[in-house]
Protein backbone atom coordinates (compact mmCIF):
# COMPACT_ATOMS: atom_id res chain seq x y z
CA UNK A 1 0.00 0.00 0.00
CA UNK A 2 1.42 3.33 -1.00
CA UNK A 3 -1.07 5.52 0.83
CA UNK A 4 -2.69 5.47 4.25
CA UNK A 5 -6.29 4.70 3.31
CA UNK A 6 -7.63 6.32 6.46
CA UNK A 7 -5.91 9.69 6.04
CA UNK A 8 -4.84 9.64 2.40
CA UNK A 9 -1.30 10.67 3.34
CA UNK A 10 1.51 9.38 1.21
CA UNK A 11 3.27 6.51 2.87
CA UNK A 12 6.84 6.84 4.08
CA UNK A 13 7.45 3.69 2.06
CA UNK A 14 8.17 5.09 -1.37
CA UNK A 15 9.77 1.93 -2.64
CA UNK A 16 10.13 -1.59 -1.28
CA UNK A 17 13.89 -1.03 -1.38
CA UNK A 18 13.47 1.44 1.46
CA UNK A 19 12.65 -1.51 3.68
CA UNK A 20 15.80 -3.37 2.68
CA UNK A 21 13.24 -5.95 1.65
CA UNK A 22 15.06 -9.23 1.73
CA UNK A 23 12.26 -10.67 3.86
CA UNK A 24 9.18 -9.23 2.16
CA UNK A 25 7.62 -12.68 1.90
CA UNK A 26 8.08 -13.64 5.53
CA UNK A 27 7.65 -10.26 7.19
CA UNK A 28 4.97 -8.69 5.01
CA UNK A 29 3.13 -10.90 2.55
CA UNK A 30 2.91 -14.07 4.68
CA UNK A 31 1.30 -12.36 7.70
CA UNK A 32 -1.16 -10.51 5.46
CA UNK A 33 -2.13 -13.66 3.57
CA UNK A 34 -2.37 -15.61 6.83
CA UNK A 35 -4.67 -12.96 8.27
CA UNK A 36 -6.94 -13.25 5.24
CA UNK A 37 -7.06 -17.06 5.18
CA UNK A 38 -7.53 -17.32 8.96
CA UNK A 39 -10.57 -15.02 8.83
CA UNK A 40 -11.87 -16.82 5.73
CA UNK A 41 -11.47 -20.24 7.39
CA UNK A 42 -13.21 -18.98 10.52
CA UNK A 43 -16.18 -17.73 8.51
CA UNK A 44 -16.44 -21.07 6.69
CA UNK A 45 -16.20 -23.08 9.92
CA UNK A 46 -18.87 -20.94 11.58
CA UNK A 47 -20.96 -20.86 8.41
CA UNK A 48 -21.22 -17.06 8.45
CA UNK A 49 -20.53 -14.42 5.82
CA UNK A 50 -16.93 -13.35 5.43
CA UNK A 51 -16.45 -10.09 7.31
CA UNK A 52 -14.81 -8.15 4.51
CA UNK A 53 -14.81 -4.81 6.32
CA UNK A 54 -13.22 -6.36 9.43
CA UNK A 55 -10.53 -7.98 7.31
CA UNK A 56 -9.91 -4.79 5.37
CA UNK A 57 -9.44 -2.77 8.58
CA UNK A 58 -6.96 -5.33 9.94
CA UNK A 59 -5.15 -5.51 6.59
CA UNK A 60 -4.79 -1.72 6.33
CA UNK A 61 -3.71 -1.43 9.98
CA UNK A 62 -1.07 -4.15 9.49
CA UNK A 63 0.17 -2.59 6.27
CA UNK A 64 0.43 0.87 7.84
CA UNK A 65 2.26 -0.51 10.89
CA UNK A 66 4.71 -2.37 8.65
CA UNK A 67 5.32 0.71 6.51
CA UNK A 68 6.11 2.78 9.59
CA UNK A 69 8.51 0.15 10.93
CA UNK A 70 12.22 0.75 11.06
CA UNK A 71 13.40 -2.86 11.15
CA UNK A 72 16.40 -3.82 9.09
CA UNK A 73 16.10 -7.06 7.19
CA UNK A 74 19.33 -8.94 6.73
CA UNK A 75 20.25 -10.04 3.25
CA UNK A 76 20.93 -13.76 3.30
CA UNK A 77 21.79 -15.47 0.06
CA UNK A 78 20.55 -19.03 -0.38
CA UNK A 79 22.00 -21.33 -2.98
CA UNK A 80 24.27 -20.70 -5.93
CA UNK A 81 22.84 -17.74 -7.88
CA UNK A 82 24.77 -18.58 -11.05
CA UNK A 83 23.65 -22.22 -11.02
CA UNK A 84 20.03 -21.21 -10.43
CA UNK A 85 20.13 -18.60 -13.21
CA UNK A 86 21.77 -21.08 -15.59
CA UNK A 87 19.16 -23.71 -14.77
CA UNK A 88 16.30 -21.28 -15.36
CA UNK A 89 17.84 -20.08 -18.59
CA UNK A 90 18.25 -23.63 -19.87
CA UNK A 91 14.73 -24.57 -18.80
CA UNK A 92 12.97 -21.64 -20.45
CA UNK A 93 15.23 -20.57 -23.33
CA UNK A 94 16.72 -23.73 -24.78
C-alpha atoms as a PDB file:
ATOM      1  CA  UNK A   1       0.000   0.000   0.000  1.00  0.00           C
ATOM      2  CA  UNK A   2       1.424   3.330  -0.998  1.00  0.00           C
ATOM      3  CA  UNK A   3      -1.072   5.516   0.826  1.00  0.00           C
ATOM      4  CA  UNK A   4      -2.688   5.473   4.248  1.00  0.00           C
ATOM      5  CA  UNK A   5      -6.294   4.704   3.314  1.00  0.00           C
ATOM      6  CA  UNK A   6      -7.631   6.324   6.462  1.00  0.00           C
ATOM      7  CA  UNK A   7      -5.908   9.690   6.042  1.00  0.00           C
ATOM      8  CA  UNK A   8      -4.836   9.643   2.397  1.00  0.00           C
ATOM      9  CA  UNK A   9      -1.303  10.672   3.336  1.00  0.00           C
ATOM     10  CA  UNK A  10       1.509   9.383   1.207  1.00  0.00           C
ATOM     11  CA  UNK A  11       3.265   6.507   2.866  1.00  0.00           C
ATOM     12  CA  UNK A  12       6.835   6.837   4.075  1.00  0.00           C
ATOM     13  CA  UNK A  13       7.445   3.692   2.064  1.00  0.00           C
ATOM     14  CA  UNK A  14       8.166   5.090  -1.373  1.00  0.00           C
ATOM     15  CA  UNK A  15       9.766   1.928  -2.638  1.00  0.00           C
ATOM     16  CA  UNK A  16      10.135  -1.588  -1.284  1.00  0.00           C
ATOM     17  CA  UNK A  17      13.892  -1.031  -1.384  1.00  0.00           C
ATOM     18  CA  UNK A  18      13.467   1.445   1.459  1.00  0.00           C
ATOM     19  CA  UNK A  19      12.649  -1.513   3.682  1.00  0.00           C
ATOM     20  CA  UNK A  20      15.801  -3.366   2.675  1.00  0.00           C
ATOM     21  CA  UNK A  21      13.244  -5.951   1.654  1.00  0.00           C
ATOM     22  CA  UNK A  22      15.060  -9.232   1.731  1.00  0.00           C
ATOM     23  CA  UNK A  23      12.258 -10.671   3.857  1.00  0.00           C
ATOM     24  CA  UNK A  24       9.180  -9.232   2.161  1.00  0.00           C
ATOM     25  CA  UNK A  25       7.620 -12.680   1.895  1.00  0.00           C
ATOM     26  CA  UNK A  26       8.079 -13.639   5.535  1.00  0.00           C
ATOM     27  CA  UNK A  27       7.648 -10.263   7.186  1.00  0.00           C
ATOM     28  CA  UNK A  28       4.970  -8.688   5.010  1.00  0.00           C
ATOM     29  CA  UNK A  29       3.130 -10.904   2.546  1.00  0.00           C
ATOM     30  CA  UNK A  30       2.909 -14.067   4.676  1.00  0.00           C
ATOM     31  CA  UNK A  31       1.303 -12.364   7.698  1.00  0.00           C
ATOM     32  CA  UNK A  32      -1.161 -10.508   5.460  1.00  0.00           C
ATOM     33  CA  UNK A  33      -2.128 -13.660   3.565  1.00  0.00           C
ATOM     34  CA  UNK A  34      -2.365 -15.613   6.833  1.00  0.00           C
ATOM     35  CA  UNK A  35      -4.665 -12.957   8.274  1.00  0.00           C
ATOM     36  CA  UNK A  36      -6.945 -13.255   5.243  1.00  0.00           C
ATOM     37  CA  UNK A  37      -7.061 -17.057   5.184  1.00  0.00           C
ATOM     38  CA  UNK A  38      -7.535 -17.316   8.963  1.00  0.00           C
ATOM     39  CA  UNK A  39     -10.568 -15.024   8.826  1.00  0.00           C
ATOM     40  CA  UNK A  40     -11.868 -16.817   5.734  1.00  0.00           C
ATOM     41  CA  UNK A  41     -11.474 -20.241   7.387  1.00  0.00           C
ATOM     42  CA  UNK A  42     -13.205 -18.976  10.515  1.00  0.00           C
ATOM     43  CA  UNK A  43     -16.181 -17.728   8.510  1.00  0.00           C
ATOM     44  CA  UNK A  44     -16.441 -21.074   6.695  1.00  0.00           C
ATOM     45  CA  UNK A  45     -16.201 -23.080   9.918  1.00  0.00           C
ATOM     46  CA  UNK A  46     -18.865 -20.936  11.579  1.00  0.00           C
ATOM     47  CA  UNK A  47     -20.964 -20.858   8.409  1.00  0.00           C
ATOM     48  CA  UNK A  48     -21.218 -17.056   8.454  1.00  0.00           C
ATOM     49  CA  UNK A  49     -20.529 -14.424   5.818  1.00  0.00           C
ATOM     50  CA  UNK A  50     -16.931 -13.351   5.428  1.00  0.00           C
ATOM     51  CA  UNK A  51     -16.453 -10.087   7.306  1.00  0.00           C
ATOM     52  CA  UNK A  52     -14.812  -8.155   4.511  1.00  0.00           C
ATOM     53  CA  UNK A  53     -14.811  -4.812   6.320  1.00  0.00           C
ATOM     54  CA  UNK A  54     -13.221  -6.358   9.430  1.00  0.00           C
ATOM     55  CA  UNK A  55     -10.526  -7.983   7.307  1.00  0.00           C
ATOM     56  CA  UNK A  56      -9.909  -4.786   5.365  1.00  0.00           C
ATOM     57  CA  UNK A  57      -9.444  -2.766   8.582  1.00  0.00           C
ATOM     58  CA  UNK A  58      -6.962  -5.327   9.941  1.00  0.00           C
ATOM     59  CA  UNK A  59      -5.146  -5.507   6.594  1.00  0.00           C
ATOM     60  CA  UNK A  60      -4.789  -1.717   6.333  1.00  0.00           C
ATOM     61  CA  UNK A  61      -3.707  -1.430   9.978  1.00  0.00           C
ATOM     62  CA  UNK A  62      -1.068  -4.147   9.493  1.00  0.00           C
ATOM     63  CA  UNK A  63       0.172  -2.585   6.270  1.00  0.00           C
ATOM     64  CA  UNK A  64       0.427   0.866   7.838  1.00  0.00           C
ATOM     65  CA  UNK A  65       2.262  -0.513  10.894  1.00  0.00           C
ATOM     66  CA  UNK A  66       4.712  -2.371   8.651  1.00  0.00           C
ATOM     67  CA  UNK A  67       5.316   0.708   6.510  1.00  0.00           C
ATOM     68  CA  UNK A  68       6.114   2.784   9.587  1.00  0.00           C
ATOM     69  CA  UNK A  69       8.507   0.150  10.932  1.00  0.00           C
ATOM     70  CA  UNK A  70      12.223   0.750  11.059  1.00  0.00           C
ATOM     71  CA  UNK A  71      13.396  -2.864  11.154  1.00  0.00           C
ATOM     72  CA  UNK A  72      16.398  -3.817   9.095  1.00  0.00           C
ATOM     73  CA  UNK A  73      16.103  -7.056   7.193  1.00  0.00           C
ATOM     74  CA  UNK A  74      19.334  -8.940   6.732  1.00  0.00           C
ATOM     75  CA  UNK A  75      20.251 -10.041   3.251  1.00  0.00           C
ATOM     76  CA  UNK A  76      20.930 -13.762   3.295  1.00  0.00           C
ATOM     77  CA  UNK A  77      21.785 -15.473   0.056  1.00  0.00           C
ATOM     78  CA  UNK A  78      20.553 -19.027  -0.376  1.00  0.00           C
ATOM     79  CA  UNK A  79      22.003 -21.327  -2.980  1.00  0.00           C
ATOM     80  CA  UNK A  80      24.268 -20.704  -5.935  1.00  0.00           C
ATOM     81  CA  UNK A  81      22.841 -17.744  -7.880  1.00  0.00           C
ATOM     82  CA  UNK A  82      24.766 -18.579 -11.049  1.00  0.00           C
ATOM     83  CA  UNK A  83      23.651 -22.220 -11.023  1.00  0.00           C
ATOM     84  CA  UNK A  84      20.028 -21.208 -10.433  1.00  0.00           C
ATOM     85  CA  UNK A  85      20.132 -18.599 -13.215  1.00  0.00           C
ATOM     86  CA  UNK A  86      21.773 -21.080 -15.595  1.00  0.00           C
ATOM     87  CA  UNK A  87      19.163 -23.712 -14.775  1.00  0.00           C
ATOM     88  CA  UNK A  88      16.303 -21.277 -15.355  1.00  0.00           C
ATOM     89  CA  UNK A  89      17.836 -20.079 -18.595  1.00  0.00           C
ATOM     90  CA  UNK A  90      18.250 -23.628 -19.875  1.00  0.00           C
ATOM     91  CA  UNK A  91      14.733 -24.569 -18.801  1.00  0.00           C
ATOM     92  CA  UNK A  92      12.966 -21.638 -20.452  1.00  0.00           C
ATOM     93  CA  UNK A  93      15.228 -20.571 -23.325  1.00  0.00           C
ATOM     94  CA  UNK A  94      16.717 -23.725 -24.782  1.00  0.00           C
END
